[in-house]
Amino acid sequence: MSALLDWIQNNRLLVSEWAGVSLLLWIVSLALTAVAMRYYLLWIPADHFAAGHKPFDAWHGSHPLVRWTLIIGKNVIGAALIIAGLIMLVTPGPGWLALLIGLAMIDMPGKRAVELRILRRPTIAHLVNTMRAKAGHAPLELDEQPTAA
């Protein structure tokens, strides 16, 4: 431990430069994440979270091999972005951006429920629908919230 402290002491300029670059990349990452999420929320159709929405309808007429290749490819890229995002959380880079894009791309059990739980929060729903309205898009249609039995 003392060797590490000695190295830091002897390389203060390098450590401070690395910290500055890391902070700058973190700020850029947050800004890129905000921009990417805005475009994603504007890009998805208003019925994306509605009960009858089928995300792969656009690929329905495709050959099954093409359709499954696209679905598997989308999930592999999403998983790679999640792994890269986790790595970039502790190293310089846009970790949050990669994580959010990866999570948006990947198909996993429970993902829709988590997305709906986040989007049903009044503050989030208002923010997203106001942003969509300003861009000339219809508000998001959400599944009815399950009632407690």
N, C-alpha and C. Protein backbone atom coordinates (compact mmCIF):
# COMPACT_ATOMS: atom_id res chain seq x y z
N MET A 1 0.82 -1.19 0.00
CA MET A 1 0.00 0.00 0.00
C MET A 1 0.86 1.26 0.00
N SER A 2 1.95 1.21 0.76
CA SER A 2 2.83 2.38 0.81
C SER A 2 3.51 2.61 -0.54
N ALA A 3 3.75 1.53 -1.30
CA ALA A 3 4.35 1.68 -2.63
C ALA A 3 3.39 2.43 -3.56
N LEU A 4 2.12 2.13 -3.46
CA LEU A 4 1.12 2.82 -4.27
C LEU A 4 1.05 4.30 -3.89
N LEU A 5 1.03 4.57 -2.60
CA LEU A 5 0.99 5.96 -2.13
C LEU A 5 2.25 6.72 -2.56
N ASP A 6 3.39 6.05 -2.51
CA ASP A 6 4.64 6.68 -2.97
C ASP A 6 4.57 6.97 -4.47
N TRP A 7 4.04 6.04 -5.25
CA TRP A 7 3.93 6.25 -6.69
C TRP A 7 3.01 7.43 -6.98
N ILE A 8 1.87 7.50 -6.29
CA ILE A 8 0.95 8.62 -6.48
C ILE A 8 1.63 9.93 -6.11
N GLN A 9 2.36 9.92 -5.01
CA GLN A 9 3.07 11.13 -4.56
C GLN A 9 4.09 11.58 -5.61
N ASN A 10 4.80 10.62 -6.21
CA ASN A 10 5.82 10.95 -7.19
C ASN A 10 5.25 11.29 -8.56
N ASN A 11 3.99 10.94 -8.81
CA ASN A 11 3.37 11.18 -10.12
C ASN A 11 2.08 11.99 -9.98
N ARG A 12 2.13 13.01 -9.15
CA ARG A 12 0.94 13.82 -8.89
C ARG A 12 0.38 14.44 -10.17
N LEU A 13 1.24 14.93 -11.04
CA LEU A 13 0.77 15.55 -12.27
C LEU A 13 0.04 14.54 -13.15
N LEU A 14 0.60 13.35 -13.30
CA LEU A 14 -0.03 12.31 -14.10
C LEU A 14 -1.38 11.91 -13.50
N VAL A 15 -1.42 11.75 -12.19
CA VAL A 15 -2.67 11.37 -11.51
C VAL A 15 -3.72 12.46 -11.67
N SER A 16 -3.33 13.72 -11.53
CA SER A 16 -4.30 14.80 -11.65
C SER A 16 -4.78 14.94 -13.10
N GLU A 17 -3.89 14.72 -14.08
CA GLU A 17 -4.32 14.76 -15.48
C GLU A 17 -5.29 13.63 -15.77
N TRP A 18 -4.99 12.44 -15.27
CA TRP A 18 -5.88 11.30 -15.48
C TRP A 18 -7.23 11.55 -14.83
N ALA A 19 -7.24 12.11 -13.64
CA ALA A 19 -8.49 12.43 -12.95
C ALA A 19 -9.29 13.47 -13.73
N GLY A 20 -8.61 14.46 -14.27
CA GLY A 20 -9.29 15.48 -15.07
C GLY A 20 -9.90 14.91 -16.33
N VAL A 21 -9.14 14.06 -17.02
CA VAL A 21 -9.65 13.42 -18.24
C VAL A 21 -10.85 12.52 -17.90
N SER A 22 -10.74 11.79 -16.80
CA SER A 22 -11.85 10.92 -16.38
C SER A 22 -13.10 11.73 -16.08
N LEU A 23 -12.94 12.84 -15.38
CA LEU A 23 -14.08 13.70 -15.07
C LEU A 23 -14.70 14.27 -16.35
N LEU A 24 -13.86 14.71 -17.25
CA LEU A 24 -14.36 15.25 -18.52
C LEU A 24 -15.12 14.19 -19.30
N LEU A 25 -14.57 12.98 -19.39
CA LEU A 25 -15.25 11.90 -20.10
C LEU A 25 -16.56 11.52 -19.40
N TRP A 26 -16.60 11.59 -18.08
CA TRP A 26 -17.81 11.29 -17.34
C TRP A 26 -18.89 12.32 -17.67
N ILE A 27 -18.53 13.59 -17.72
CA ILE A 27 -19.48 14.65 -18.04
C ILE A 27 -19.98 14.48 -19.48
N VAL A 28 -19.07 14.21 -20.42
CA VAL A 28 -19.46 13.98 -21.81
C VAL A 28 -20.38 12.76 -21.90
N SER A 29 -20.07 11.72 -21.14
CA SER A 29 -20.89 10.52 -21.13
C SER A 29 -22.31 10.83 -20.66
N LEU A 30 -22.45 11.60 -19.62
CA LEU A 30 -23.78 11.97 -19.14
C LEU A 30 -24.55 12.78 -20.19
N ALA A 31 -23.86 13.71 -20.84
CA ALA A 31 -24.51 14.52 -21.87
C ALA A 31 -24.94 13.64 -23.05
N LEU A 32 -24.07 12.76 -23.49
CA LEU A 32 -24.41 11.85 -24.60
C LEU A 32 -25.56 10.93 -24.22
N THR A 33 -25.57 10.47 -22.97
CA THR A 33 -26.65 9.62 -22.50
C THR A 33 -27.98 10.36 -22.56
N ALA A 34 -27.99 11.61 -22.11
CA ALA A 34 -29.22 12.40 -22.14
C ALA A 34 -29.71 12.60 -23.57
N VAL A 35 -28.80 12.90 -24.48
CA VAL A 35 -29.17 13.11 -25.88
C VAL A 35 -29.67 11.81 -26.50
N ALA A 36 -28.97 10.71 -26.24
CA ALA A 36 -29.36 9.41 -26.81
C ALA A 36 -30.72 8.98 -26.28
N MET A 37 -30.97 9.17 -24.99
CA MET A 37 -32.26 8.79 -24.43
C MET A 37 -33.38 9.65 -25.02
N ARG A 38 -33.12 10.92 -25.25
CA ARG A 38 -34.13 11.80 -25.84
C ARG A 38 -34.49 11.29 -27.24
N TYR A 39 -33.48 11.01 -28.06
CA TYR A 39 -33.76 10.53 -29.40
C TYR A 39 -34.43 9.16 -29.39
N TYR A 40 -34.05 8.30 -28.45
CA TYR A 40 -34.71 6.99 -28.34
C TYR A 40 -36.18 7.16 -27.99
N LEU A 41 -36.47 8.03 -27.01
CA LEU A 41 -37.85 8.23 -26.58
C LEU A 41 -38.69 8.92 -27.64
N LEU A 42 -38.06 9.68 -28.53
CA LEU A 42 -38.78 10.28 -29.65
C LEU A 42 -38.92 9.30 -30.81
N TRP A 43 -37.98 8.38 -30.95
CA TRP A 43 -37.95 7.44 -32.06
C TRP A 43 -39.00 6.34 -31.90
N ILE A 44 -39.22 5.85 -30.67
CA ILE A 44 -40.15 4.74 -30.49
C ILE A 44 -41.57 5.20 -30.79
N PRO A 45 -42.39 4.31 -31.32
CA PRO A 45 -43.78 4.69 -31.60
C PRO A 45 -44.55 4.89 -30.30
N ALA A 46 -45.64 5.65 -30.39
CA ALA A 46 -46.44 5.95 -29.19
C ALA A 46 -46.99 4.69 -28.54
N ASP A 47 -47.24 3.65 -29.31
CA ASP A 47 -47.81 2.42 -28.75
C ASP A 47 -46.75 1.39 -28.36
N HIS A 48 -45.50 1.81 -28.29
CA HIS A 48 -44.40 0.89 -27.97
C HIS A 48 -44.64 0.14 -26.66
N PHE A 49 -45.26 0.77 -25.68
CA PHE A 49 -45.49 0.15 -24.38
C PHE A 49 -46.95 -0.26 -24.20
N ALA A 50 -47.75 -0.19 -25.26
CA ALA A 50 -49.15 -0.60 -25.18
C ALA A 50 -49.24 -2.13 -25.19
N ALA A 51 -50.34 -2.63 -24.70
CA ALA A 51 -50.50 -4.08 -24.53
C ALA A 51 -50.39 -4.85 -25.85
N GLY A 52 -50.93 -4.32 -26.94
CA GLY A 52 -50.94 -5.05 -28.20
C GLY A 52 -49.71 -4.87 -29.06
N HIS A 53 -48.74 -4.07 -28.61
CA HIS A 53 -47.56 -3.79 -29.43
C HIS A 53 -46.69 -5.03 -29.57
N LYS A 54 -46.34 -5.35 -30.81
CA LYS A 54 -45.44 -6.46 -31.08
C LYS A 54 -44.18 -5.88 -31.71
N PRO A 55 -43.06 -5.87 -30.97
CA PRO A 55 -41.86 -5.18 -31.44
C PRO A 55 -41.27 -5.71 -32.74
N PHE A 56 -41.54 -6.95 -33.09
CA PHE A 56 -40.92 -7.51 -34.29
C PHE A 56 -41.88 -7.58 -35.46
N ASP A 57 -43.00 -6.84 -35.42
CA ASP A 57 -43.95 -6.84 -36.53
C ASP A 57 -43.32 -6.37 -37.83
N ALA A 58 -42.39 -5.44 -37.76
CA ALA A 58 -41.74 -4.94 -38.98
C ALA A 58 -40.96 -6.05 -39.68
N TRP A 59 -40.52 -7.04 -38.93
CA TRP A 59 -39.75 -8.14 -39.49
C TRP A 59 -40.63 -9.36 -39.77
N HIS A 60 -41.95 -9.24 -39.54
CA HIS A 60 -42.85 -10.39 -39.65
C HIS A 60 -42.82 -11.04 -41.03
N GLY A 61 -42.75 -10.25 -42.10
CA GLY A 61 -42.77 -10.81 -43.45
C GLY A 61 -41.43 -11.36 -43.90
N SER A 62 -40.39 -11.17 -43.10
CA SER A 62 -39.04 -11.63 -43.48
C SER A 62 -38.94 -13.15 -43.34
N HIS A 63 -37.96 -13.69 -44.02
CA HIS A 63 -37.65 -15.11 -43.89
C HIS A 63 -37.26 -15.38 -42.43
N PRO A 64 -37.67 -16.52 -41.87
CA PRO A 64 -37.34 -16.81 -40.46
C PRO A 64 -35.84 -16.72 -40.15
N LEU A 65 -35.01 -17.13 -41.09
CA LEU A 65 -33.56 -17.06 -40.86
C LEU A 65 -33.11 -15.61 -40.73
N VAL A 66 -33.64 -14.74 -41.58
CA VAL A 66 -33.30 -13.31 -41.50
C VAL A 66 -33.82 -12.72 -40.20
N ARG A 67 -35.08 -13.04 -39.86
CA ARG A 67 -35.68 -12.50 -38.64
C ARG A 67 -34.89 -12.92 -37.39
N TRP A 68 -34.57 -14.21 -37.28
CA TRP A 68 -33.83 -14.68 -36.11
C TRP A 68 -32.40 -14.16 -36.08
N THR A 69 -31.80 -14.00 -37.26
CA THR A 69 -30.45 -13.42 -37.31
C THR A 69 -30.48 -11.98 -36.78
N LEU A 70 -31.49 -11.21 -37.17
CA LEU A 70 -31.62 -9.83 -36.69
C LEU A 70 -31.88 -9.79 -35.18
N ILE A 71 -32.74 -10.65 -34.69
CA ILE A 71 -33.06 -10.68 -33.26
C ILE A 71 -31.82 -11.08 -32.45
N ILE A 72 -31.14 -12.12 -32.87
CA ILE A 72 -29.95 -12.58 -32.15
C ILE A 72 -28.85 -11.53 -32.24
N GLY A 73 -28.66 -10.94 -33.44
CA GLY A 73 -27.64 -9.91 -33.60
C GLY A 73 -27.90 -8.70 -32.71
N LYS A 74 -29.16 -8.28 -32.63
CA LYS A 74 -29.54 -7.15 -31.77
C LYS A 74 -29.22 -7.45 -30.30
N ASN A 75 -29.50 -8.68 -29.87
CA ASN A 75 -29.23 -9.05 -28.48
C ASN A 75 -27.73 -9.19 -28.20
N VAL A 76 -26.98 -9.70 -29.16
CA VAL A 76 -25.53 -9.82 -28.97
C VAL A 76 -24.90 -8.43 -28.87
N ILE A 77 -25.31 -7.52 -29.74
CA ILE A 77 -24.78 -6.15 -29.68
C ILE A 77 -25.19 -5.50 -28.36
N GLY A 78 -26.44 -5.70 -27.94
CA GLY A 78 -26.90 -5.15 -26.67
C GLY A 78 -26.09 -5.68 -25.49
N ALA A 79 -25.84 -7.00 -25.47
CA ALA A 79 -25.05 -7.60 -24.39
C ALA A 79 -23.61 -7.06 -24.40
N ALA A 80 -23.04 -6.91 -25.59
CA ALA A 80 -21.68 -6.36 -25.69
C ALA A 80 -21.64 -4.92 -25.17
N LEU A 81 -22.67 -4.14 -25.47
CA LEU A 81 -22.72 -2.76 -24.96
C LEU A 81 -22.88 -2.73 -23.45
N ILE A 82 -23.64 -3.66 -22.90
CA ILE A 82 -23.79 -3.72 -21.44
C ILE A 82 -22.46 -4.05 -20.79
N ILE A 83 -21.75 -5.03 -21.32
CA ILE A 83 -20.45 -5.41 -20.77
C ILE A 83 -19.46 -4.24 -20.91
N ALA A 84 -19.45 -3.61 -22.08
CA ALA A 84 -18.55 -2.46 -22.28
C ALA A 84 -18.93 -1.32 -21.35
N GLY A 85 -20.23 -1.11 -21.15
CA GLY A 85 -20.68 -0.05 -20.25
C GLY A 85 -20.25 -0.30 -18.81
N LEU A 86 -20.35 -1.55 -18.37
CA LEU A 86 -19.91 -1.88 -17.01
C LEU A 86 -18.40 -1.65 -16.86
N ILE A 87 -17.64 -2.00 -17.86
CA ILE A 87 -16.20 -1.77 -17.82
C ILE A 87 -15.92 -0.26 -17.79
N MET A 88 -16.66 0.50 -18.62
CA MET A 88 -16.42 1.95 -18.70
C MET A 88 -16.91 2.70 -17.47
N LEU A 89 -17.68 2.05 -16.61
CA LEU A 89 -18.06 2.72 -15.36
C LEU A 89 -16.86 2.91 -14.44
N VAL A 90 -15.88 2.02 -14.56
CA VAL A 90 -14.69 2.12 -13.71
C VAL A 90 -13.46 2.59 -14.48
N THR A 91 -13.59 2.74 -15.79
CA THR A 91 -12.51 3.28 -16.61
C THR A 91 -13.07 4.48 -17.37
N PRO A 92 -12.21 5.30 -17.94
CA PRO A 92 -12.74 6.44 -18.70
C PRO A 92 -13.55 5.97 -19.91
N GLY A 93 -14.67 6.62 -20.11
CA GLY A 93 -15.51 6.30 -21.26
C GLY A 93 -16.97 6.51 -20.92
N PRO A 94 -17.81 6.49 -21.94
CA PRO A 94 -19.25 6.74 -21.75
C PRO A 94 -19.98 5.49 -21.27
N GLY A 95 -19.71 5.07 -20.04
CA GLY A 95 -20.29 3.84 -19.50
C GLY A 95 -21.81 3.86 -19.42
N TRP A 96 -22.38 4.95 -18.90
CA TRP A 96 -23.84 5.02 -18.76
C TRP A 96 -24.52 4.98 -20.13
N LEU A 97 -23.94 5.64 -21.10
CA LEU A 97 -24.51 5.64 -22.44
C LEU A 97 -24.54 4.22 -23.00
N ALA A 98 -23.43 3.53 -22.91
CA ALA A 98 -23.36 2.16 -23.42
C ALA A 98 -24.33 1.25 -22.67
N LEU A 99 -24.41 1.41 -21.36
CA LEU A 99 -25.34 0.59 -20.57
C LEU A 99 -26.79 0.82 -20.98
N LEU A 100 -27.19 2.06 -21.09
CA LEU A 100 -28.58 2.35 -21.42
C LEU A 100 -28.95 1.90 -22.82
N ILE A 101 -28.06 2.11 -23.78
CA ILE A 101 -28.34 1.65 -25.14
C ILE A 101 -28.37 0.13 -25.18
N GLY A 102 -27.44 -0.51 -24.48
CA GLY A 102 -27.42 -1.98 -24.42
C GLY A 102 -28.69 -2.54 -23.79
N LEU A 103 -29.13 -1.94 -22.69
CA LEU A 103 -30.35 -2.39 -22.04
C LEU A 103 -31.58 -2.17 -22.93
N ALA A 104 -31.59 -1.08 -23.68
CA ALA A 104 -32.71 -0.82 -24.59
C ALA A 104 -32.75 -1.85 -25.72
N MET A 105 -31.59 -2.35 -26.13
CA MET A 105 -31.52 -3.28 -27.26
C MET A 105 -31.82 -4.72 -26.88
N ILE A 106 -31.45 -5.12 -25.69
CA ILE A 106 -31.50 -6.53 -25.32
C ILE A 106 -32.92 -6.94 -24.94
N ASP A 107 -33.27 -8.17 -25.24
CA ASP A 107 -34.55 -8.75 -24.84
C ASP A 107 -34.28 -9.67 -23.66
N MET A 108 -34.90 -9.37 -22.51
CA MET A 108 -34.71 -10.21 -21.34
C MET A 108 -36.00 -10.22 -20.53
N PRO A 109 -36.23 -11.29 -19.79
CA PRO A 109 -37.45 -11.36 -18.99
C PRO A 109 -37.49 -10.24 -17.94
N GLY A 110 -38.64 -9.62 -17.81
CA GLY A 110 -38.81 -8.58 -16.81
C GLY A 110 -38.43 -7.18 -17.27
N LYS A 111 -37.82 -7.06 -18.43
CA LYS A 111 -37.37 -5.75 -18.91
C LYS A 111 -38.55 -4.80 -19.12
N ARG A 112 -39.60 -5.29 -19.73
CA ARG A 112 -40.77 -4.47 -20.01
C ARG A 112 -41.40 -3.97 -18.71
N ALA A 113 -41.48 -4.82 -17.70
CA ALA A 113 -42.06 -4.43 -16.41
C ALA A 113 -41.24 -3.31 -15.76
N VAL A 114 -39.92 -3.41 -15.85
CA VAL A 114 -39.05 -2.37 -15.29
C VAL A 114 -39.23 -1.06 -16.05
N GLU A 115 -39.25 -1.15 -17.38
CA GLU A 115 -39.45 0.05 -18.19
C GLU A 115 -40.79 0.71 -17.85
N LEU A 116 -41.84 -0.10 -17.74
CA LEU A 116 -43.16 0.46 -17.43
C LEU A 116 -43.19 1.06 -16.03
N ARG A 117 -42.53 0.42 -15.08
CA ARG A 117 -42.49 0.95 -13.71
C ARG A 117 -41.82 2.32 -13.70
N ILE A 118 -40.76 2.47 -14.48
CA ILE A 118 -40.06 3.76 -14.56
C ILE A 118 -40.94 4.79 -15.26
N LEU A 119 -41.53 4.42 -16.39
CA LEU A 119 -42.32 5.36 -17.18
C LEU A 119 -43.64 5.74 -16.52
N ARG A 120 -44.14 4.93 -15.61
CA ARG A 120 -45.39 5.27 -14.91
C ARG A 120 -45.20 6.27 -13.79
N ARG A 121 -43.97 6.50 -13.40
CA ARG A 121 -43.73 7.51 -12.36
C ARG A 121 -44.22 8.84 -12.91
N PRO A 122 -45.05 9.56 -12.17
CA PRO A 122 -45.67 10.78 -12.69
C PRO A 122 -44.66 11.79 -13.25
N THR A 123 -43.55 12.00 -12.55
CA THR A 123 -42.56 12.97 -13.01
C THR A 123 -41.94 12.53 -14.32
N ILE A 124 -41.59 11.26 -14.43
CA ILE A 124 -40.97 10.73 -15.65
C ILE A 124 -41.97 10.77 -16.80
N ALA A 125 -43.20 10.32 -16.55
CA ALA A 125 -44.22 10.30 -17.60
C ALA A 125 -44.47 11.72 -18.12
N HIS A 126 -44.56 12.68 -17.20
CA HIS A 126 -44.79 14.06 -17.61
C HIS A 126 -43.61 14.58 -18.45
N LEU A 127 -42.40 14.32 -18.00
CA LEU A 127 -41.20 14.77 -18.71
C LEU A 127 -41.14 14.18 -20.11
N VAL A 128 -41.35 12.86 -20.21
CA VAL A 128 -41.26 12.18 -21.51
C VAL A 128 -42.37 12.67 -22.45
N ASN A 129 -43.59 12.76 -21.95
CA ASN A 129 -44.69 13.17 -22.83
C ASN A 129 -44.62 14.64 -23.21
N THR A 130 -44.10 15.50 -22.33
CA THR A 130 -43.88 16.90 -22.68
C THR A 130 -42.82 17.01 -23.77
N MET A 131 -41.74 16.24 -23.63
CA MET A 131 -40.68 16.24 -24.63
C MET A 131 -41.22 15.74 -25.98
N ARG A 132 -42.03 14.69 -25.95
CA ARG A 132 -42.61 14.17 -27.19
C ARG A 132 -43.57 15.18 -27.81
N ALA A 133 -44.36 15.88 -26.99
CA ALA A 133 -45.30 16.87 -27.50
C ALA A 133 -44.57 18.03 -28.17
N LYS A 134 -43.48 18.48 -27.55
CA LYS A 134 -42.70 19.59 -28.14
C LYS A 134 -42.10 19.19 -29.48
N ALA A 135 -41.83 17.91 -29.66
CA ALA A 135 -41.25 17.43 -30.91
C ALA A 135 -42.34 17.03 -31.91
N GLY A 136 -43.62 17.21 -31.52
CA GLY A 136 -44.72 16.88 -32.42
C GLY A 136 -45.09 15.41 -32.46
N HIS A 137 -44.76 14.67 -31.41
CA HIS A 137 -45.08 13.25 -31.32
C HIS A 137 -46.21 13.03 -30.31
N ALA A 138 -46.97 11.98 -30.53
CA ALA A 138 -48.05 11.63 -29.60
C ALA A 138 -47.45 11.13 -28.28
N PRO A 139 -48.19 11.30 -27.18
CA PRO A 139 -47.69 10.77 -25.90
C PRO A 139 -47.61 9.25 -25.92
N LEU A 140 -46.76 8.71 -25.06
CA LEU A 140 -46.63 7.26 -24.99
C LEU A 140 -47.89 6.65 -24.40
N GLU A 141 -48.34 5.56 -25.00
CA GLU A 141 -49.48 4.81 -24.47
C GLU A 141 -48.90 3.69 -23.61
N LEU A 142 -49.26 3.68 -22.34
CA LEU A 142 -48.73 2.68 -21.42
C LEU A 142 -49.82 1.65 -21.09
N ASP A 143 -49.41 0.40 -20.84
CA ASP A 143 -50.35 -0.60 -20.35
C ASP A 143 -51.02 -0.05 -19.10
N GLU A 144 -52.24 -0.52 -18.85
CA GLU A 144 -52.89 -0.14 -17.60
C GLU A 144 -52.07 -0.72 -16.45
N GLN A 145 -51.95 0.06 -15.40
CA GLN A 145 -51.18 -0.38 -14.24
C GLN A 145 -51.93 -1.53 -13.58
N PRO A 146 -51.23 -2.62 -13.25
CA PRO A 146 -51.92 -3.75 -12.63
C PRO A 146 -52.52 -3.34 -11.28
N THR A 147 -53.70 -3.84 -11.01
CA THR A 147 -54.35 -3.51 -9.74
C THR A 147 -54.00 -4.58 -8.71
N ALA A 148 -53.81 -4.13 -7.48
CA ALA A 148 -53.47 -5.05 -6.41
C ALA A 148 -54.72 -5.83 -6.01
N ALA A 149 -54.58 -7.13 -5.87
CA ALA A 149 -55.73 -7.98 -5.52
C ALA A 149 -55.84 -8.16 -4.04
